[in-house]
Amino acid sequence: MLFYITKYPISCSIILLVSFLSLFRPPQTGIATFHGWDKVAHVGMYFVLSGMLWWEFFRAHRHDENIPLWHARIGATLCPLLFSGGMEIAQEFLTAHRGGDWWDFVANAVGVALAMPVGYLLLQSRKKKNA
């Protein structure tokens, strides 16, 4: 576990922040918001999480010529999706003030999907640098 904390410190911090934001009771502000603003927040949270996992993967393996890209694909796409599903289940069964919403899970998946081009661009940048 310490290995991942030292290799991916920003991503681990984002995971803790997303966990907190997913489970705490938000304060009542009285500010009028548009319908679906929470879906935009979900897309943003998981875009940042997945994008940071891509970036830190390539940063951690910058001196490695034959990096296993399937590790990055699993770590930056599948793991955030599984984490988001777990968070939605935790919201449903562990909190009284939140409910698990499958549309939130869809918004999380959209955020992860939007981060995939970030990984592709980082990969292309790495290939140009090594060529």
C-alpha atoms as a PDB file:
ATOM      1  CA  MET A   1       0.000   0.000   0.000  1.00  0.00           C
ATOM      2  CA  LEU A   2       2.851   2.372   0.814  1.00  0.00           C
ATOM      3  CA  PHE A   3       4.177   1.743  -2.705  1.00  0.00           C
ATOM      4  CA  TYR A   4       1.017   3.202  -4.260  1.00  0.00           C
ATOM      5  CA  ILE A   5       0.950   6.150  -1.869  1.00  0.00           C
ATOM      6  CA  THR A   6       4.518   7.092  -2.824  1.00  0.00           C
ATOM      7  CA  LYS A   7       4.038   6.466  -6.575  1.00  0.00           C
ATOM      8  CA  TYR A   8       0.592   8.100  -6.849  1.00  0.00           C
ATOM      9  CA  PRO A   9       0.334  10.688  -4.030  1.00  0.00           C
ATOM     10  CA  ILE A  10      -1.974  13.141  -5.816  1.00  0.00           C
ATOM     11  CA  SER A  11      -4.317  10.380  -6.988  1.00  0.00           C
ATOM     12  CA  CYS A  12      -4.500   8.945  -3.462  1.00  0.00           C
ATOM     13  CA  SER A  13      -5.361  12.410  -2.155  1.00  0.00           C
ATOM     14  CA  ILE A  14      -8.077  12.781  -4.804  1.00  0.00           C
ATOM     15  CA  ILE A  15      -9.494   9.373  -3.839  1.00  0.00           C
ATOM     16  CA  LEU A  16      -9.727  10.491  -0.216  1.00  0.00           C
ATOM     17  CA  LEU A  17     -11.355  13.769  -1.267  1.00  0.00           C
ATOM     18  CA  VAL A  18     -13.887  12.018  -3.520  1.00  0.00           C
ATOM     19  CA  SER A  19     -14.688   9.582  -0.693  1.00  0.00           C
ATOM     20  CA  PHE A  20     -15.294  12.463   1.691  1.00  0.00           C
ATOM     21  CA  LEU A  21     -17.394  14.405  -0.811  1.00  0.00           C
ATOM     22  CA  SER A  22     -19.444  11.305  -1.554  1.00  0.00           C
ATOM     23  CA  LEU A  23     -20.283  10.482   2.063  1.00  0.00           C
ATOM     24  CA  PHE A  24     -20.603  13.795   3.948  1.00  0.00           C
ATOM     25  CA  ARG A  25     -23.819  15.754   4.420  1.00  0.00           C
ATOM     26  CA  PRO A  26     -23.681  18.871   2.250  1.00  0.00           C
ATOM     27  CA  PRO A  27     -24.773  22.083   3.957  1.00  0.00           C
ATOM     28  CA  GLN A  28     -27.938  23.885   2.935  1.00  0.00           C
ATOM     29  CA  THR A  29     -26.848  27.066   1.171  1.00  0.00           C
ATOM     30  CA  GLY A  30     -30.090  28.440  -0.187  1.00  0.00           C
ATOM     31  CA  ILE A  31     -28.399  29.141  -3.516  1.00  0.00           C
ATOM     32  CA  ALA A  32     -30.563  28.254  -6.480  1.00  0.00           C
ATOM     33  CA  THR A  33     -28.875  25.620  -8.632  1.00  0.00           C
ATOM     34  CA  PHE A  34     -29.877  24.111 -11.925  1.00  0.00           C
ATOM     35  CA  HIS A  35     -31.326  20.639 -12.165  1.00  0.00           C
ATOM     36  CA  GLY A  36     -28.570  18.060 -12.577  1.00  0.00           C
ATOM     37  CA  TRP A  37     -25.709  20.112 -11.129  1.00  0.00           C
ATOM     38  CA  ASP A  38     -24.657  17.098  -9.079  1.00  0.00           C
ATOM     39  CA  LYS A  39     -24.166  15.092 -12.289  1.00  0.00           C
ATOM     40  CA  VAL A  40     -21.778  17.773 -13.532  1.00  0.00           C
ATOM     41  CA  ALA A  41     -19.907  17.499 -10.219  1.00  0.00           C
ATOM     42  CA  HIS A  42     -19.701  13.702 -10.623  1.00  0.00           C
ATOM     43  CA  VAL A  43     -18.341  14.010 -14.161  1.00  0.00           C
ATOM     44  CA  GLY A  44     -15.753  16.508 -12.949  1.00  0.00           C
ATOM     45  CA  MET A  45     -14.658  14.455  -9.933  1.00  0.00           C
ATOM     46  CA  TYR A  46     -14.102  11.282 -11.910  1.00  0.00           C
ATOM     47  CA  PHE A  47     -12.543  13.107 -14.875  1.00  0.00           C
ATOM     48  CA  VAL A  48      -9.962  14.596 -12.508  1.00  0.00           C
ATOM     49  CA  LEU A  49      -9.418  11.270 -10.716  1.00  0.00           C
ATOM     50  CA  SER A  50      -8.961   9.239 -13.894  1.00  0.00           C
ATOM     51  CA  GLY A  51      -6.915  11.938 -15.635  1.00  0.00           C
ATOM     52  CA  MET A  52      -4.592  12.209 -12.641  1.00  0.00           C
ATOM     53  CA  LEU A  53      -4.159   8.425 -12.562  1.00  0.00           C
ATOM     54  CA  TRP A  54      -3.118   8.521 -16.226  1.00  0.00           C
ATOM     55  CA  TRP A  55      -0.715  11.395 -15.626  1.00  0.00           C
ATOM     56  CA  GLU A  56       0.864   9.870 -12.521  1.00  0.00           C
ATOM     57  CA  PHE A  57       1.223   6.494 -14.238  1.00  0.00           C
ATOM     58  CA  PHE A  58       3.281   8.013 -17.034  1.00  0.00           C
ATOM     59  CA  ARG A  59       5.224  10.162 -14.535  1.00  0.00           C
ATOM     60  CA  ALA A  60       6.004   7.125 -12.376  1.00  0.00           C
ATOM     61  CA  HIS A  61       7.198   5.137 -15.407  1.00  0.00           C
ATOM     62  CA  ARG A  62       8.983   7.904 -17.295  1.00  0.00           C
ATOM     63  CA  HIS A  63      12.293   6.015 -17.363  1.00  0.00           C
ATOM     64  CA  ASP A  64      10.721   2.688 -18.272  1.00  0.00           C
ATOM     65  CA  GLU A  65      10.906   1.893 -21.990  1.00  0.00           C
ATOM     66  CA  ASN A  66       8.530  -1.079 -21.984  1.00  0.00           C
ATOM     67  CA  ILE A  67       5.771   0.050 -19.690  1.00  0.00           C
ATOM     68  CA  PRO A  68       2.777  -2.265 -19.415  1.00  0.00           C
ATOM     69  CA  LEU A  69      -0.018  -0.104 -20.820  1.00  0.00           C
ATOM     70  CA  TRP A  70      -2.650  -2.578 -19.744  1.00  0.00           C
ATOM     71  CA  HIS A  71      -1.771  -1.627 -16.132  1.00  0.00           C
ATOM     72  CA  ALA A  72      -2.634   1.976 -16.943  1.00  0.00           C
ATOM     73  CA  ARG A  73      -5.838   1.018 -18.713  1.00  0.00           C
ATOM     74  CA  ILE A  74      -7.000  -1.018 -15.741  1.00  0.00           C
ATOM     75  CA  GLY A  75      -5.763   1.458 -13.140  1.00  0.00           C
ATOM     76  CA  ALA A  76      -7.105   4.592 -14.811  1.00  0.00           C
ATOM     77  CA  THR A  77     -10.391   3.263 -16.208  1.00  0.00           C
ATOM     78  CA  LEU A  78     -11.614   0.082 -14.542  1.00  0.00           C
ATOM     79  CA  CYS A  79     -10.531   0.958 -10.991  1.00  0.00           C
ATOM     80  CA  PRO A  80     -12.272   4.377 -10.929  1.00  0.00           C
ATOM     81  CA  LEU A  81     -15.439   2.747 -12.307  1.00  0.00           C
ATOM     82  CA  LEU A  82     -15.387   0.056  -9.623  1.00  0.00           C
ATOM     83  CA  PHE A  83     -14.627   2.694  -6.991  1.00  0.00           C
ATOM     84  CA  SER A  84     -17.557   4.839  -8.136  1.00  0.00           C
ATOM     85  CA  GLY A  85     -19.910   1.859  -8.010  1.00  0.00           C
ATOM     86  CA  GLY A  86     -18.697   1.105  -4.507  1.00  0.00           C
ATOM     87  CA  MET A  87     -19.255   4.708  -3.478  1.00  0.00           C
ATOM     88  CA  GLU A  88     -22.817   4.642  -4.812  1.00  0.00           C
ATOM     89  CA  ILE A  89     -23.516   1.432  -2.885  1.00  0.00           C
ATOM     90  CA  ALA A  90     -21.924   2.962   0.237  1.00  0.00           C
ATOM     91  CA  GLN A  91     -24.128   6.045  -0.138  1.00  0.00           C
ATOM     92  CA  GLU A  92     -27.208   3.859  -0.328  1.00  0.00           C
ATOM     93  CA  PHE A  93     -26.466   1.566   2.606  1.00  0.00           C
ATOM     94  CA  LEU A  94     -24.083   3.470   4.914  1.00  0.00           C
ATOM     95  CA  THR A  95     -25.606   6.942   4.987  1.00  0.00           C
ATOM     96  CA  ALA A  96     -29.060   8.145   5.962  1.00  0.00           C
ATOM     97  CA  HIS A  97     -28.793  11.459   4.106  1.00  0.00           C
ATOM     98  CA  ARG A  98     -27.645  10.160   0.716  1.00  0.00           C
ATOM     99  CA  GLY A  99     -28.986   7.567  -1.654  1.00  0.00           C
ATOM    100  CA  GLY A 100     -27.165   5.601  -4.305  1.00  0.00           C
ATOM    101  CA  ASP A 101     -28.198   6.841  -7.723  1.00  0.00           C
ATOM    102  CA  TRP A 102     -27.392   4.887 -10.864  1.00  0.00           C
ATOM    103  CA  TRP A 103     -27.472   8.103 -12.884  1.00  0.00           C
ATOM    104  CA  ASP A 104     -24.607   9.291 -10.676  1.00  0.00           C
ATOM    105  CA  PHE A 105     -22.760   6.117 -11.671  1.00  0.00           C
ATOM    106  CA  VAL A 106     -23.414   6.922 -15.338  1.00  0.00           C
ATOM    107  CA  ALA A 107     -22.060  10.445 -14.776  1.00  0.00           C
ATOM    108  CA  ASN A 108     -18.969   8.928 -13.121  1.00  0.00           C
ATOM    109  CA  ALA A 109     -18.472   6.657 -16.139  1.00  0.00           C
ATOM    110  CA  VAL A 110     -18.761   9.671 -18.448  1.00  0.00           C
ATOM    111  CA  GLY A 111     -16.031  11.421 -16.438  1.00  0.00           C
ATOM    112  CA  VAL A 112     -13.756   8.386 -16.754  1.00  0.00           C
ATOM    113  CA  ALA A 113     -14.493   8.132 -20.487  1.00  0.00           C
ATOM    114  CA  LEU A 114     -13.670  11.816 -20.971  1.00  0.00           C
ATOM    115  CA  ALA A 115     -10.304  11.231 -19.295  1.00  0.00           C
ATOM    116  CA  MET A 116      -9.350   8.471 -21.751  1.00  0.00           C
ATOM    117  CA  PRO A 117      -8.214  10.978 -24.419  1.00  0.00           C
ATOM    118  CA  VAL A 118      -5.978  12.531 -21.754  1.00  0.00           C
ATOM    119  CA  GLY A 119      -4.241   9.169 -21.389  1.00  0.00           C
ATOM    120  CA  TYR A 120      -3.974   8.831 -25.149  1.00  0.00           C
ATOM    121  CA  LEU A 121      -2.445  12.309 -25.474  1.00  0.00           C
ATOM    122  CA  LEU A 122       0.029  11.555 -22.694  1.00  0.00           C
ATOM    123  CA  LEU A 123       0.979   8.320 -24.461  1.00  0.00           C
ATOM    124  CA  GLN A 124       1.498  10.124 -27.785  1.00  0.00           C
ATOM    125  CA  SER A 125       3.578  12.791 -26.073  1.00  0.00           C
ATOM    126  CA  ARG A 126       5.733  10.086 -24.504  1.00  0.00           C
ATOM    127  CA  LYS A 127       6.196   8.333 -27.852  1.00  0.00           C
ATOM    128  CA  LYS A 128       7.313  11.606 -29.494  1.00  0.00           C
ATOM    129  CA  LYS A 129       9.717  12.306 -26.664  1.00  0.00           C
ATOM    130  CA  ASN A 130      11.281   8.828 -26.881  1.00  0.00           C
ATOM    131  CA  ALA A 131      11.526   8.870 -30.695  1.00  0.00           C
END
